[in-house]
Amino acid sequence: MNTLYDQINQNISLSQSEIDYINNNLKVIHHKKNELLFREGEISRTIYFVSKGMVRLFYTVNGVEKTAFFYSKGKFICPGES
């Protein structure tokens, strides 16, 4: 979790009560390699934080996958179009 707090602290300082709130409300989920986090057209109500590994965002155009972004350790993923 330190990576999450390090990333946040680059922009703002968290109080102990804010850290406690995050600790009490954050749900850590581990995903397997090649597992889809969400599909195009779905509504996502989740903000993801990459604590390990890498995530690829891609779209399918005429049956061909087109990579849009790569998210590496320490990055947030927020499906803005959903």
PDB file of N, CA and C in Angstrom:
ATOM      1  N   MET A   1       0.817  -1.203   0.000  1.00  0.00           N
ATOM      2  CA  MET A   1       0.000   0.000   0.000  1.00  0.00           C
ATOM      3  C   MET A   1       0.856   1.259   0.000  1.00  0.00           C
ATOM      4  N   ASN A   2       2.114   1.122   0.361  1.00  0.00           N
ATOM      5  CA  ASN A   2       2.969   2.298   0.388  1.00  0.00           C
ATOM      6  C   ASN A   2       3.045   2.977  -0.972  1.00  0.00           C
ATOM      7  N   THR A   3       3.035   2.197  -2.056  1.00  0.00           N
ATOM      8  CA  THR A   3       3.098   2.795  -3.387  1.00  0.00           C
ATOM      9  C   THR A   3       1.899   3.706  -3.620  1.00  0.00           C
ATOM     10  N   LEU A   4       0.722   3.307  -3.170  1.00  0.00           N
ATOM     11  CA  LEU A   4      -0.471   4.133  -3.299  1.00  0.00           C
ATOM     12  C   LEU A   4      -0.285   5.446  -2.554  1.00  0.00           C
ATOM     13  N   TYR A   5       0.146   5.369  -1.316  1.00  0.00           N
ATOM     14  CA  TYR A   5       0.334   6.578  -0.519  1.00  0.00           C
ATOM     15  C   TYR A   5       1.461   7.441  -1.075  1.00  0.00           C
ATOM     16  N   ASP A   6       2.514   6.822  -1.579  1.00  0.00           N
ATOM     17  CA  ASP A   6       3.598   7.584  -2.202  1.00  0.00           C
ATOM     18  C   ASP A   6       3.079   8.376  -3.397  1.00  0.00           C
ATOM     19  N   GLN A   7       2.250   7.739  -4.209  1.00  0.00           N
ATOM     20  CA  GLN A   7       1.692   8.401  -5.390  1.00  0.00           C
ATOM     21  C   GLN A   7       0.794   9.564  -4.980  1.00  0.00           C
ATOM     22  N   ILE A   8      -0.055   9.354  -3.999  1.00  0.00           N
ATOM     23  CA  ILE A   8      -0.946  10.419  -3.529  1.00  0.00           C
ATOM     24  C   ILE A   8      -0.142  11.562  -2.931  1.00  0.00           C
ATOM     25  N   ASN A   9       0.871  11.229  -2.147  1.00  0.00           N
ATOM     26  CA  ASN A   9       1.662  12.250  -1.462  1.00  0.00           C
ATOM     27  C   ASN A   9       2.509  13.093  -2.409  1.00  0.00           C
ATOM     28  N   GLN A  10       2.614  12.705  -3.672  1.00  0.00           N
ATOM     29  CA  GLN A  10       3.305  13.553  -4.640  1.00  0.00           C
ATOM     30  C   GLN A  10       2.492  14.807  -4.945  1.00  0.00           C
ATOM     31  N   ASN A  11       1.186  14.725  -4.693  1.00  0.00           N
ATOM     32  CA  ASN A  11       0.303  15.849  -5.009  1.00  0.00           C
ATOM     33  C   ASN A  11      -0.287  16.525  -3.781  1.00  0.00           C
ATOM     34  N   ILE A  12      -0.616  15.729  -2.771  1.00  0.00           N
ATOM     35  CA  ILE A  12      -1.217  16.283  -1.552  1.00  0.00           C
ATOM     36  C   ILE A  12      -0.706  15.513  -0.350  1.00  0.00           C
ATOM     37  N   SER A  13      -0.834  16.115   0.814  1.00  0.00           N
ATOM     38  CA  SER A  13      -0.499  15.429   2.063  1.00  0.00           C
ATOM     39  C   SER A  13      -1.783  14.896   2.677  1.00  0.00           C
ATOM     40  N   LEU A  14      -1.735  13.659   3.142  1.00  0.00           N
ATOM     41  CA  LEU A  14      -2.896  13.050   3.779  1.00  0.00           C
ATOM     42  C   LEU A  14      -2.786  13.156   5.289  1.00  0.00           C
ATOM     43  N   SER A  15      -3.901  13.465   5.922  1.00  0.00           N
ATOM     44  CA  SER A  15      -3.944  13.444   7.381  1.00  0.00           C
ATOM     45  C   SER A  15      -4.078  11.999   7.837  1.00  0.00           C
ATOM     46  N   GLN A  16      -3.848  11.749   9.092  1.00  0.00           N
ATOM     47  CA  GLN A  16      -3.987  10.390   9.617  1.00  0.00           C
ATOM     48  C   GLN A  16      -5.426   9.905   9.483  1.00  0.00           C
ATOM     49  N   SER A  17      -6.398  10.798   9.661  1.00  0.00           N
ATOM     50  CA  SER A  17      -7.799  10.376   9.524  1.00  0.00           C
ATOM     51  C   SER A  17      -8.116  10.000   8.072  1.00  0.00           C
ATOM     52  N   GLU A  18      -7.505  10.684   7.110  1.00  0.00           N
ATOM     53  CA  GLU A  18      -7.698  10.325   5.704  1.00  0.00           C
ATOM     54  C   GLU A  18      -7.043   8.985   5.380  1.00  0.00           C
ATOM     55  N   ILE A  19      -5.869   8.746   5.923  1.00  0.00           N
ATOM     56  CA  ILE A  19      -5.193   7.454   5.744  1.00  0.00           C
ATOM     57  C   ILE A  19      -6.031   6.346   6.360  1.00  0.00           C
ATOM     58  N   ASP A  20      -6.559   6.581   7.545  1.00  0.00           N
ATOM     59  CA  ASP A  20      -7.420   5.595   8.204  1.00  0.00           C
ATOM     60  C   ASP A  20      -8.666   5.314   7.364  1.00  0.00           C
ATOM     61  N   TYR A  21      -9.255   6.355   6.796  1.00  0.00           N
ATOM     62  CA  TYR A  21     -10.439   6.186   5.953  1.00  0.00           C
ATOM     63  C   TYR A  21     -10.114   5.309   4.747  1.00  0.00           C
ATOM     64  N   ILE A  22      -9.001   5.588   4.090  1.00  0.00           N
ATOM     65  CA  ILE A  22      -8.594   4.786   2.935  1.00  0.00           C
ATOM     66  C   ILE A  22      -8.370   3.340   3.358  1.00  0.00           C
ATOM     67  N   ASN A  23      -7.653   3.136   4.442  1.00  0.00           N
ATOM     68  CA  ASN A  23      -7.379   1.777   4.925  1.00  0.00           C
ATOM     69  C   ASN A  23      -8.658   1.013   5.237  1.00  0.00           C
ATOM     70  N   ASN A  24      -9.650   1.698   5.757  1.00  0.00           N
ATOM     71  CA  ASN A  24     -10.901   1.040   6.145  1.00  0.00           C
ATOM     72  C   ASN A  24     -11.863   0.820   4.979  1.00  0.00           C
ATOM     73  N   ASN A  25     -11.683   1.553   3.874  1.00  0.00           N
ATOM     74  CA  ASN A  25     -12.643   1.489   2.780  1.00  0.00           C
ATOM     75  C   ASN A  25     -12.080   0.962   1.467  1.00  0.00           C
ATOM     76  N   LEU A  26     -10.792   0.843   1.373  1.00  0.00           N
ATOM     77  CA  LEU A  26     -10.177   0.365   0.146  1.00  0.00           C
ATOM     78  C   LEU A  26     -10.256  -1.150   0.068  1.00  0.00           C
ATOM     79  N   LYS A  27     -10.621  -1.638  -1.090  1.00  0.00           N
ATOM     80  CA  LYS A  27     -10.690  -3.080  -1.302  1.00  0.00           C
ATOM     81  C   LYS A  27      -9.570  -3.471  -2.265  1.00  0.00           C
ATOM     82  N   VAL A  28      -8.648  -4.292  -1.788  1.00  0.00           N
ATOM     83  CA  VAL A  28      -7.532  -4.740  -2.612  1.00  0.00           C
ATOM     84  C   VAL A  28      -7.954  -6.009  -3.350  1.00  0.00           C
ATOM     85  N   ILE A  29      -7.823  -5.961  -4.669  1.00  0.00           N
ATOM     86  CA  ILE A  29      -8.180  -7.107  -5.506  1.00  0.00           C
ATOM     87  C   ILE A  29      -6.975  -7.455  -6.362  1.00  0.00           C
ATOM     88  N   HIS A  30      -6.644  -8.732  -6.399  1.00  0.00           N
ATOM     89  CA  HIS A  30      -5.546  -9.206  -7.230  1.00  0.00           C
ATOM     90  C   HIS A  30      -6.134  -9.841  -8.480  1.00  0.00           C
ATOM     91  N   HIS A  31      -5.595  -9.466  -9.634  1.00  0.00           N
ATOM     92  CA  HIS A  31      -6.053 -10.010 -10.905  1.00  0.00           C
ATOM     93  C   HIS A  31      -4.964 -10.858 -11.536  1.00  0.00           C
ATOM     94  N   LYS A  32      -5.393 -11.869 -12.282  1.00  0.00           N
ATOM     95  CA  LYS A  32      -4.456 -12.741 -12.981  1.00  0.00           C
ATOM     96  C   LYS A  32      -4.036 -12.110 -14.302  1.00  0.00           C
ATOM     97  N   LYS A  33      -2.890 -12.535 -14.797  1.00  0.00           N
ATOM     98  CA  LYS A  33      -2.405 -12.082 -16.088  1.00  0.00           C
ATOM     99  C   LYS A  33      -3.464 -12.389 -17.155  1.00  0.00           C
ATOM    100  N   ASN A  34      -3.692 -11.436 -18.031  1.00  0.00           N
ATOM    101  CA  ASN A  34      -4.652 -11.520 -19.143  1.00  0.00           C
ATOM    102  C   ASN A  34      -6.118 -11.488 -18.705  1.00  0.00           C
ATOM    103  N   GLU A  35      -6.392 -11.248 -17.448  1.00  0.00           N
ATOM    104  CA  GLU A  35      -7.765 -11.122 -16.977  1.00  0.00           C
ATOM    105  C   GLU A  35      -8.306  -9.741 -17.348  1.00  0.00           C
ATOM    106  N   LEU A  36      -9.534  -9.684 -17.854  1.00  0.00           N
ATOM    107  CA  LEU A  36     -10.149  -8.408 -18.206  1.00  0.00           C
ATOM    108  C   LEU A  36     -10.685  -7.723 -16.953  1.00  0.00           C
ATOM    109  N   LEU A  37     -10.399  -6.444 -16.820  1.00  0.00           N
ATOM    110  CA  LEU A  37     -10.923  -5.671 -15.696  1.00  0.00           C
ATOM    111  C   LEU A  37     -12.316  -5.144 -16.012  1.00  0.00           C
ATOM    112  N   PHE A  38     -12.509  -4.718 -17.244  1.00  0.00           N
ATOM    113  CA  PHE A  38     -13.821  -4.261 -17.703  1.00  0.00           C
ATOM    114  C   PHE A  38     -13.855  -4.353 -19.220  1.00  0.00           C
ATOM    115  N   ARG A  39     -15.049  -4.372 -19.753  1.00  0.00           N
ATOM    116  CA  ARG A  39     -15.242  -4.498 -21.203  1.00  0.00           C
ATOM    117  C   ARG A  39     -15.786  -3.189 -21.779  1.00  0.00           C
ATOM    118  N   GLU A  40     -15.470  -2.958 -23.018  1.00  0.00           N
ATOM    119  CA  GLU A  40     -15.969  -1.795 -23.724  1.00  0.00           C
ATOM    120  C   GLU A  40     -17.495  -1.809 -23.676  1.00  0.00           C
ATOM    121  N   GLY A  41     -18.069  -0.666 -23.353  1.00  0.00           N
ATOM    122  CA  GLY A  41     -19.520  -0.549 -23.289  1.00  0.00           C
ATOM    123  C   GLY A  41     -20.089  -0.785 -21.900  1.00  0.00           C
ATOM    124  N   GLU A  42     -19.308  -1.373 -21.001  1.00  0.00           N
ATOM    125  CA  GLU A  42     -19.777  -1.592 -19.633  1.00  0.00           C
ATOM    126  C   GLU A  42     -19.594  -0.328 -18.800  1.00  0.00           C
ATOM    127  N   ILE A  43     -20.430  -0.168 -17.810  1.00  0.00           N
ATOM    128  CA  ILE A  43     -20.282   0.934 -16.873  1.00  0.00           C
ATOM    129  C   ILE A  43     -19.406   0.453 -15.719  1.00  0.00           C
ATOM    130  N   SER A  44     -18.313   1.159 -15.508  1.00  0.00           N
ATOM    131  CA  SER A  44     -17.395   0.807 -14.422  1.00  0.00           C
ATOM    132  C   SER A  44     -17.593   1.774 -13.264  1.00  0.00           C
ATOM    133  N   ARG A  45     -17.697   1.236 -12.084  1.00  0.00           N
ATOM    134  CA  ARG A  45     -17.836   2.055 -10.880  1.00  0.00           C
ATOM    135  C   ARG A  45     -16.602   1.909  -9.994  1.00  0.00           C
ATOM    136  N   THR A  46     -15.500   1.543 -10.623  1.00  0.00           N
ATOM    137  CA  THR A  46     -14.282   1.248  -9.893  1.00  0.00           C
ATOM    138  C   THR A  46     -13.134   2.108 -10.404  1.00  0.00           C
ATOM    139  N   ILE A  47     -12.305   2.578  -9.495  1.00  0.00           N
ATOM    140  CA  ILE A  47     -11.035   3.210  -9.843  1.00  0.00           C
ATOM    141  C   ILE A  47      -9.962   2.206  -9.454  1.00  0.00           C
ATOM    142  N   TYR A  48      -9.078   1.905 -10.386  1.00  0.00           N
ATOM    143  CA  TYR A  48      -8.032   0.920 -10.165  1.00  0.00           C
ATOM    144  C   TYR A  48      -6.707   1.616  -9.900  1.00  0.00           C
ATOM    145  N   PHE A  49      -5.862   0.965  -9.115  1.00  0.00           N
ATOM    146  CA  PHE A  49      -4.495   1.425  -8.879  1.00  0.00           C
ATOM    147  C   PHE A  49      -3.574   0.241  -9.137  1.00  0.00           C
ATOM    148  N   VAL A  50      -2.591   0.438  -9.993  1.00  0.00           N
ATOM    149  CA  VAL A  50      -1.668  -0.640 -10.344  1.00  0.00           C
ATOM    150  C   VAL A  50      -0.545  -0.663  -9.312  1.00  0.00           C
ATOM    151  N   SER A  51      -0.539  -1.688  -8.473  1.00  0.00           N
ATOM    152  CA  SER A  51       0.507  -1.803  -7.452  1.00  0.00           C
ATOM    153  C   SER A  51       1.636  -2.731  -7.884  1.00  0.00           C
ATOM    154  N   LYS A  52       1.373  -3.527  -8.924  1.00  0.00           N
ATOM    155  CA  LYS A  52       2.379  -4.460  -9.423  1.00  0.00           C
ATOM    156  C   LYS A  52       2.015  -4.824 -10.855  1.00  0.00           C
ATOM    157  N   GLY A  53       3.015  -4.947 -11.705  1.00  0.00           N
ATOM    158  CA  GLY A  53       2.769  -5.370 -13.075  1.00  0.00           C
ATOM    159  C   GLY A  53       2.369  -4.230 -13.986  1.00  0.00           C
ATOM    160  N   MET A  54       1.613  -4.569 -15.016  1.00  0.00           N
ATOM    161  CA  MET A  54       1.212  -3.604 -16.036  1.00  0.00           C
ATOM    162  C   MET A  54      -0.179  -3.965 -16.549  1.00  0.00           C
ATOM    163  N   VAL A  55      -0.930  -2.948 -16.955  1.00  0.00           N
ATOM    164  CA  VAL A  55      -2.272  -3.142 -17.492  1.00  0.00           C
ATOM    165  C   VAL A  55      -2.320  -2.496 -18.872  1.00  0.00           C
ATOM    166  N   ARG A  56      -2.918  -3.206 -19.809  1.00  0.00           N
ATOM    167  CA  ARG A  56      -3.071  -2.683 -21.171  1.00  0.00           C
ATOM    168  C   ARG A  56      -4.531  -2.351 -21.422  1.00  0.00           C
ATOM    169  N   LEU A  57      -4.787  -1.152 -21.903  1.00  0.00           N
ATOM    170  CA  LEU A  57      -6.122  -0.741 -22.313  1.00  0.00           C
ATOM    171  C   LEU A  57      -6.188  -0.857 -23.827  1.00  0.00           C
ATOM    172  N   PHE A  58      -7.176  -1.603 -24.315  1.00  0.00           N
ATOM    173  CA  PHE A  58      -7.283  -1.775 -25.758  1.00  0.00           C
ATOM    174  C   PHE A  58      -8.738  -1.744 -26.194  1.00  0.00           C
ATOM    175  N   TYR A  59      -8.917  -1.457 -27.467  1.00  0.00           N
ATOM    176  CA  TYR A  59     -10.219  -1.454 -28.113  1.00  0.00           C
ATOM    177  C   TYR A  59     -10.162  -2.452 -29.258  1.00  0.00           C
ATOM    178  N   THR A  60     -11.307  -2.967 -29.653  1.00  0.00           N
ATOM    179  CA  THR A  60     -11.371  -3.844 -30.817  1.00  0.00           C
ATOM    180  C   THR A  60     -12.031  -3.079 -31.950  1.00  0.00           C
ATOM    181  N   VAL A  61     -11.321  -2.980 -33.070  1.00  0.00           N
ATOM    182  CA  VAL A  61     -11.822  -2.288 -34.254  1.00  0.00           C
ATOM    183  C   VAL A  61     -11.817  -3.281 -35.403  1.00  0.00           C
ATOM    184  N   ASN A  62     -12.992  -3.596 -35.923  1.00  0.00           N
ATOM    185  CA  ASN A  62     -13.119  -4.566 -37.013  1.00  0.00           C
ATOM    186  C   ASN A  62     -12.426  -5.892 -36.681  1.00  0.00           C
ATOM    187  N   GLY A  63     -12.567  -6.318 -35.430  1.00  0.00           N
ATOM    188  CA  GLY A  63     -12.004  -7.599 -35.007  1.00  0.00           C
ATOM    189  C   GLY A  63     -10.522  -7.572 -34.674  1.00  0.00           C
ATOM    190  N   VAL A  64      -9.897  -6.400 -34.735  1.00  0.00           N
ATOM    191  CA  VAL A  64      -8.465  -6.274 -34.458  1.00  0.00           C
ATOM    192  C   VAL A  64      -8.272  -5.448 -33.185  1.00  0.00           C
ATOM    193  N   GLU A  65      -7.458  -5.967 -32.237  1.00  0.00           N
ATOM    194  CA  GLU A  65      -7.173  -5.237 -31.010  1.00  0.00           C
ATOM    195  C   GLU A  65      -6.238  -4.073 -31.288  1.00  0.00           C
ATOM    196  N   LYS A  66      -6.607  -2.898 -30.798  1.00  0.00           N
ATOM    197  CA  LYS A  66      -5.805  -1.682 -30.921  1.00  0.00           C
ATOM    198  C   LYS A  66      -5.457  -1.205 -29.520  1.00  0.00           C
ATOM    199  N   THR A  67      -4.183  -1.192 -29.189  1.00  0.00           N
ATOM    200  CA  THR A  67      -3.746  -0.754 -27.870  1.00  0.00           C
ATOM    201  C   THR A  67      -3.841   0.759 -27.768  1.00  0.00           C
ATOM    202  N   ALA A  68      -4.473   1.228 -26.703  1.00  0.00           N
ATOM    203  CA  ALA A  68      -4.622   2.665 -26.472  1.00  0.00           C
ATOM    204  C   ALA A  68      -3.601   3.166 -25.453  1.00  0.00           C
ATOM    205  N   PHE A  69      -3.429   2.414 -24.345  1.00  0.00           N
ATOM    206  CA  PHE A  69      -2.536   2.836 -23.270  1.00  0.00           C
ATOM    207  C   PHE A  69      -1.945   1.624 -22.569  1.00  0.00           C
ATOM    208  N   PHE A  70      -0.820   1.861 -21.907  1.00  0.00           N
ATOM    209  CA  PHE A  70      -0.270   0.925 -20.943  1.00  0.00           C
ATOM    210  C   PHE A  70      -0.195   1.652 -19.612  1.00  0.00           C
ATOM    211  N   TYR A  71      -0.650   1.005 -18.560  1.00  0.00           N
ATOM    212  CA  TYR A  71      -0.576   1.555 -17.207  1.00  0.00           C
ATOM    213  C   TYR A  71       0.420   0.717 -16.421  1.00  0.00           C
ATOM    214  N   SER A  72       1.411   1.362 -15.853  1.00  0.00           N
ATOM    215  CA  SER A  72       2.441   0.647 -15.101  1.00  0.00           C
ATOM    216  C   SER A  72       2.254   0.871 -13.605  1.00  0.00           C
ATOM    217  N   LYS A  73       3.098   0.241 -12.824  1.00  0.00           N
ATOM    218  CA  LYS A  73       3.043   0.340 -11.365  1.00  0.00           C
ATOM    219  C   LYS A  73       2.987   1.800 -10.935  1.00  0.00           C
ATOM    220  N   GLY A  74       2.066   2.078 -10.018  1.00  0.00           N
ATOM    221  CA  GLY A  74       1.932   3.419  -9.473  1.00  0.00           C
ATOM    222  C   GLY A  74       0.951   4.300 -10.216  1.00  0.00           C
ATOM    223  N   LYS A  75       0.219   3.735 -11.190  1.00  0.00           N
ATOM    224  CA  LYS A  75      -0.729   4.533 -11.968  1.00  0.00           C
ATOM    225  C   LYS A  75      -2.171   4.195 -11.599  1.00  0.00           C
ATOM    226  N   PHE A  76      -3.035   5.181 -11.708  1.00  0.00           N
ATOM    227  CA  PHE A  76      -4.465   5.011 -11.490  1.00  0.00           C
ATOM    228  C   PHE A  76      -5.131   4.738 -12.838  1.00  0.00           C
ATOM    229  N   ILE A  77      -6.181   3.922 -12.815  1.00  0.00           N
ATOM    230  CA  ILE A  77      -6.994   3.665 -13.997  1.00  0.00           C
ATOM    231  C   ILE A  77      -8.434   4.008 -13.636  1.00  0.00           C
ATOM    232  N   CYS A  78      -8.981   4.943 -14.371  1.00  0.00           N
ATOM    233  CA  CYS A  78     -10.368   5.353 -14.152  1.00  0.00           C
ATOM    234  C   CYS A  78     -11.065   5.358 -15.509  1.00  0.00           C
ATOM    235  N   PRO A  79     -11.913   4.371 -15.761  1.00  0.00           N
ATOM    236  CA  PRO A  79     -12.595   4.299 -17.059  1.00  0.00           C
ATOM    237  C   PRO A  79     -13.520   5.493 -17.243  1.00  0.00           C
ATOM    238  N   GLY A  80     -12.996   6.562 -17.815  1.00  0.00           N
ATOM    239  CA  GLY A  80     -13.719   7.818 -17.916  1.00  0.00           C
ATOM    240  C   GLY A  80     -14.914   7.804 -18.837  1.00  0.00           C
ATOM    241  N   GLU A  81     -14.938   6.910 -19.817  1.00  0.00           N
ATOM    242  CA  GLU A  81     -16.034   6.905 -20.766  1.00  0.00           C
ATOM    243  C   GLU A  81     -17.227   6.076 -20.305  1.00  0.00           C
ATOM    244  N   SER A  82     -17.078   5.366 -19.191  1.00  0.00           N
ATOM    245  CA  SER A  82     -18.197   4.509 -18.779  1.00  0.00           C
ATOM    246  C   SER A  82     -19.199   5.246 -17.924  1.00  0.00           C
TER     247      SER A  82
END
